[in-house]
């Protein structure tokens, strides 16, 4: 598995605000989930990418990076409990 990095993409003339989740295996861009805020917005994108890649057996742990992006990693120990 790989770390997933997420970033906010501002609205353009043709698209609304979005969140992009990226890792070496691929990426996904979701519409900004306005019902969420803060880290939950970015977690939503990371979970969408994990689902797309079939990485659903582990818990995601994440936090904010100094540049405002977020990074999520998988807790392998959680799956063994």
N, C-alpha and C. Protein backbone atom coordinates (compact mmCIF):
# COMPACT_ATOMS: atom_id res chain seq x y z
N UNK A 1 0.83 -1.18 0.00
CA UNK A 1 0.00 0.00 0.00
C UNK A 1 0.87 1.24 0.00
N UNK A 2 0.26 2.33 -0.32
CA UNK A 2 0.98 3.59 -0.45
C UNK A 2 0.27 4.68 0.33
N UNK A 3 1.00 5.74 0.65
CA UNK A 3 0.39 6.91 1.28
C UNK A 3 -0.46 7.62 0.24
N UNK A 4 -1.54 8.23 0.69
CA UNK A 4 -2.43 9.00 -0.18
C UNK A 4 -2.34 10.47 0.22
N UNK A 5 -2.04 11.33 -0.73
CA UNK A 5 -1.98 12.77 -0.48
C UNK A 5 -3.20 13.42 -1.11
N UNK A 6 -3.81 14.35 -0.40
CA UNK A 6 -4.97 15.06 -0.92
C UNK A 6 -4.70 16.55 -0.97
N UNK A 7 -5.37 17.22 -1.90
CA UNK A 7 -5.22 18.68 -1.99
C UNK A 7 -6.52 19.29 -2.48
N UNK A 8 -6.74 20.51 -2.06
CA UNK A 8 -7.90 21.30 -2.45
C UNK A 8 -7.66 21.93 -3.81
N UNK A 9 -8.64 21.84 -4.70
CA UNK A 9 -8.58 22.50 -6.00
C UNK A 9 -9.67 23.56 -6.05
N UNK A 10 -9.28 24.79 -6.28
CA UNK A 10 -10.23 25.91 -6.33
C UNK A 10 -11.20 25.77 -7.49
N UNK A 11 -12.34 26.41 -7.35
CA UNK A 11 -13.33 26.43 -8.42
C UNK A 11 -12.78 27.18 -9.63
N UNK A 12 -13.24 26.75 -10.81
CA UNK A 12 -12.88 27.42 -12.06
C UNK A 12 -14.16 27.94 -12.69
N UNK A 13 -14.06 28.48 -13.89
CA UNK A 13 -15.26 28.94 -14.60
C UNK A 13 -16.19 27.80 -14.97
N UNK A 14 -15.65 26.59 -15.08
CA UNK A 14 -16.46 25.45 -15.52
C UNK A 14 -16.66 24.37 -14.47
N UNK A 15 -15.88 24.37 -13.40
CA UNK A 15 -15.98 23.34 -12.37
C UNK A 15 -16.00 23.96 -10.99
N UNK A 16 -16.74 23.32 -10.09
CA UNK A 16 -16.76 23.77 -8.71
C UNK A 16 -15.51 23.34 -7.96
N UNK A 17 -15.43 23.67 -6.69
CA UNK A 17 -14.29 23.26 -5.86
C UNK A 17 -14.23 21.74 -5.80
N UNK A 18 -13.01 21.21 -5.73
CA UNK A 18 -12.81 19.77 -5.71
C UNK A 18 -11.68 19.41 -4.76
N UNK A 19 -11.59 18.13 -4.45
CA UNK A 19 -10.49 17.58 -3.68
C UNK A 19 -9.89 16.46 -4.52
N UNK A 20 -8.57 16.49 -4.68
CA UNK A 20 -7.88 15.46 -5.45
C UNK A 20 -7.05 14.60 -4.52
N UNK A 21 -7.21 13.28 -4.64
CA UNK A 21 -6.43 12.32 -3.87
C UNK A 21 -5.50 11.60 -4.83
N UNK A 22 -4.22 11.51 -4.45
CA UNK A 22 -3.21 10.94 -5.33
C UNK A 22 -2.28 10.00 -4.57
N UNK A 23 -1.88 8.92 -5.23
CA UNK A 23 -0.80 8.04 -4.78
C UNK A 23 -0.13 7.48 -6.02
N UNK A 24 0.91 6.71 -5.86
CA UNK A 24 1.64 6.19 -7.02
C UNK A 24 0.75 5.30 -7.89
N UNK A 25 -0.24 4.64 -7.30
CA UNK A 25 -1.10 3.72 -8.04
C UNK A 25 -2.22 4.41 -8.82
N UNK A 26 -2.48 5.69 -8.56
CA UNK A 26 -3.55 6.39 -9.27
C UNK A 26 -4.05 7.60 -8.52
N UNK A 27 -5.12 8.17 -9.04
CA UNK A 27 -5.70 9.35 -8.41
C UNK A 27 -7.19 9.40 -8.68
N UNK A 28 -7.86 10.24 -7.93
CA UNK A 28 -9.29 10.48 -8.10
C UNK A 28 -9.57 11.91 -7.67
N UNK A 29 -10.51 12.55 -8.32
CA UNK A 29 -10.93 13.90 -7.95
C UNK A 29 -12.42 13.85 -7.64
N UNK A 30 -12.80 14.36 -6.47
CA UNK A 30 -14.20 14.38 -6.08
C UNK A 30 -14.67 15.82 -5.94
N UNK A 31 -15.95 16.03 -6.10
CA UNK A 31 -16.54 17.34 -5.82
C UNK A 31 -16.38 17.64 -4.34
N UNK A 32 -16.19 18.90 -4.01
CA UNK A 32 -16.03 19.29 -2.61
C UNK A 32 -17.30 18.94 -1.85
N UNK A 33 -17.20 18.07 -0.83
CA UNK A 33 -18.38 17.70 -0.06
C UNK A 33 -18.73 18.79 0.97
N UNK A 34 -19.60 19.68 0.60
CA UNK A 34 -19.88 20.87 1.43
C UNK A 34 -20.50 20.53 2.78
N UNK A 35 -21.01 19.31 2.94
CA UNK A 35 -21.59 18.92 4.23
C UNK A 35 -20.50 18.57 5.25
N UNK A 36 -19.25 18.47 4.79
CA UNK A 36 -18.12 18.16 5.66
C UNK A 36 -17.23 19.39 5.80
N UNK A 37 -16.28 19.32 6.72
CA UNK A 37 -15.31 20.41 6.87
C UNK A 37 -13.97 19.86 7.33
N UNK A 38 -12.94 20.65 7.17
CA UNK A 38 -11.60 20.30 7.65
C UNK A 38 -11.09 18.99 7.10
N UNK A 39 -10.50 18.20 8.00
CA UNK A 39 -9.89 16.94 7.61
C UNK A 39 -10.90 15.96 7.03
N UNK A 40 -12.15 16.04 7.46
CA UNK A 40 -13.18 15.11 6.96
C UNK A 40 -13.36 15.23 5.45
N UNK A 41 -13.20 16.43 4.92
CA UNK A 41 -13.30 16.65 3.46
C UNK A 41 -12.21 15.86 2.75
N UNK A 42 -11.00 15.95 3.26
CA UNK A 42 -9.86 15.28 2.64
C UNK A 42 -9.93 13.77 2.87
N UNK A 43 -10.37 13.36 4.04
CA UNK A 43 -10.54 11.93 4.31
C UNK A 43 -11.53 11.31 3.32
N UNK A 44 -12.58 12.04 2.99
CA UNK A 44 -13.57 11.55 2.03
C UNK A 44 -12.91 11.23 0.69
N UNK A 45 -12.03 12.09 0.22
CA UNK A 45 -11.33 11.86 -1.05
C UNK A 45 -10.36 10.69 -0.92
N UNK A 46 -9.64 10.60 0.19
CA UNK A 46 -8.71 9.49 0.40
C UNK A 46 -9.45 8.16 0.45
N UNK A 47 -10.60 8.15 1.11
CA UNK A 47 -11.40 6.93 1.18
C UNK A 47 -11.94 6.54 -0.19
N UNK A 48 -12.31 7.53 -1.00
CA UNK A 48 -12.78 7.26 -2.36
C UNK A 48 -11.68 6.61 -3.20
N UNK A 49 -10.46 7.11 -3.07
CA UNK A 49 -9.35 6.52 -3.82
C UNK A 49 -9.04 5.12 -3.30
N UNK A 50 -9.03 4.93 -1.99
CA UNK A 50 -8.77 3.60 -1.42
C UNK A 50 -9.82 2.61 -1.92
N UNK A 51 -11.07 3.02 -1.98
CA UNK A 51 -12.14 2.16 -2.48
C UNK A 51 -11.92 1.83 -3.95
N UNK A 52 -11.57 2.82 -4.75
CA UNK A 52 -11.29 2.62 -6.18
C UNK A 52 -10.18 1.59 -6.39
N UNK A 53 -9.17 1.62 -5.51
CA UNK A 53 -8.02 0.73 -5.65
C UNK A 53 -8.20 -0.60 -4.91
N UNK A 54 -9.32 -0.76 -4.22
CA UNK A 54 -9.58 -2.00 -3.48
C UNK A 54 -8.84 -2.10 -2.16
N UNK A 55 -8.41 -0.97 -1.63
CA UNK A 55 -7.67 -0.93 -0.37
C UNK A 55 -8.62 -0.62 0.78
N UNK A 56 -9.49 -1.53 1.10
CA UNK A 56 -10.53 -1.25 2.10
C UNK A 56 -10.35 -2.02 3.39
N UNK A 57 -9.32 -2.86 3.50
CA UNK A 57 -9.17 -3.69 4.68
C UNK A 57 -8.43 -3.03 5.82
N UNK A 58 -7.95 -1.82 5.65
CA UNK A 58 -7.18 -1.14 6.70
C UNK A 58 -7.78 0.22 7.02
N UNK A 59 -7.56 0.66 8.25
CA UNK A 59 -8.02 1.97 8.72
C UNK A 59 -7.06 3.05 8.20
N UNK A 60 -7.62 4.17 7.77
CA UNK A 60 -6.81 5.31 7.32
C UNK A 60 -6.50 6.24 8.49
N UNK A 61 -5.25 6.63 8.61
CA UNK A 61 -4.82 7.64 9.58
C UNK A 61 -4.29 8.81 8.79
N UNK A 62 -4.59 10.03 9.20
CA UNK A 62 -4.13 11.17 8.41
C UNK A 62 -3.92 12.43 9.20
N UNK A 63 -3.32 13.39 8.52
CA UNK A 63 -3.08 14.68 9.12
C UNK A 63 -2.71 15.71 8.07
N UNK A 64 -2.66 16.96 8.50
CA UNK A 64 -2.38 18.08 7.62
C UNK A 64 -0.87 18.29 7.47
N UNK A 65 -0.45 18.56 6.25
CA UNK A 65 0.94 18.87 5.96
C UNK A 65 1.16 20.39 6.06
N UNK A 66 2.39 20.85 6.18
CA UNK A 66 2.65 22.29 6.31
C UNK A 66 2.11 23.14 5.16
N UNK A 67 1.98 22.57 3.97
CA UNK A 67 1.50 23.34 2.82
C UNK A 67 -0.02 23.37 2.70
N UNK A 68 -0.73 22.75 3.64
CA UNK A 68 -2.19 22.73 3.60
C UNK A 68 -2.79 21.49 2.97
N UNK A 69 -1.98 20.68 2.30
CA UNK A 69 -2.45 19.40 1.80
C UNK A 69 -2.57 18.44 2.98
N UNK A 70 -3.17 17.29 2.74
CA UNK A 70 -3.29 16.26 3.76
C UNK A 70 -2.63 14.98 3.27
N UNK A 71 -2.21 14.14 4.20
CA UNK A 71 -1.61 12.86 3.85
C UNK A 71 -2.26 11.78 4.72
N UNK A 72 -2.58 10.65 4.10
CA UNK A 72 -3.21 9.54 4.81
C UNK A 72 -2.39 8.28 4.60
N UNK A 73 -2.23 7.51 5.67
CA UNK A 73 -1.53 6.24 5.61
C UNK A 73 -2.46 5.17 6.17
N UNK A 74 -2.09 3.92 5.96
CA UNK A 74 -2.91 2.81 6.42
C UNK A 74 -2.32 2.21 7.69
N UNK A 75 -3.18 1.94 8.66
CA UNK A 75 -2.79 1.32 9.92
C UNK A 75 -2.97 -0.18 9.78
N UNK A 76 -1.91 -0.90 9.49
CA UNK A 76 -1.97 -2.34 9.29
C UNK A 76 -2.31 -3.08 10.59
N UNK A 77 -1.90 -2.55 11.73
CA UNK A 77 -2.17 -3.21 13.01
C UNK A 77 -3.66 -3.28 13.28
N UNK A 78 -4.41 -2.28 12.82
CA UNK A 78 -5.86 -2.24 13.04
C UNK A 78 -6.53 -3.46 12.44
N UNK A 79 -6.06 -3.92 11.30
CA UNK A 79 -6.68 -5.05 10.61
C UNK A 79 -6.50 -6.37 11.38
N UNK A 80 -5.52 -6.44 12.27
CA UNK A 80 -5.23 -7.66 13.00
C UNK A 80 -6.02 -7.77 14.30
N UNK A 81 -6.70 -6.69 14.69
CA UNK A 81 -7.45 -6.70 15.96
C UNK A 81 -8.71 -7.52 15.84
